[in-house]
Amino acid sequence: MSLLRLEDMPDEILLKIVTNLEIKDLIRCGQLCKRIRAISSDESMKRQRLSLDGMKLNYKIINKVILHNGKALTVLNLRNCKGLYMGSILDIVQHCVELTEFNLASTNLCRDSLNFLTNNLTPTVVNLSLQNLKQLQDKHVSAIVKRCNKMTALDLSHTATEGVTMY
């Protein structure tokens, strides 16, 4: 009995397999195998919903995963992610222009990142979590509410503006 190896499978079959992987597993596979990385960059792999909850992000992950899906993304969950800096927030805000749900809870964003985010986030966002962001100020909340005027949920729990959560 012969074993079927990954290398022996056609790209079309591998594409069907990787489309069912969670994004974290897809990233891990892409780090181990150039062929999987190339297949995961296929246009048909674009996702509308993306969760990287708890991942340590770097420029490569942001560029390959988030920006690759940019215009298709409507839901982006970056809760508890580490490694989000001003440059990555700038890239995300500029490329993910169709977002309706965005979770940045516990990401430890700096004040400059929050300033840029709140003044440039796509106005299509209706559900935003800024939970547990210690640098968040009232001016950020005012800017985001004014900019995203169709917002239905804004989570500000465990921030200095904690009493302003809206639903």
Foldseek 3Di string as FASTA:
>chain_A
DDDDDPVNDDLVVLLVVLLPDAVVVLVVVVVVDVSSLVSCLDLVSQDQAHEPAQEADDPVCLVRHQLSNQCSHAHYHHHNYEDDAQVSLVSNQVRNQNHQYYEPANHQYALNSLVCCLQRHHLNHQEYEPHQHARDDPVSVVSNCVSNVNHQFYQHPNYPPRVPTGD
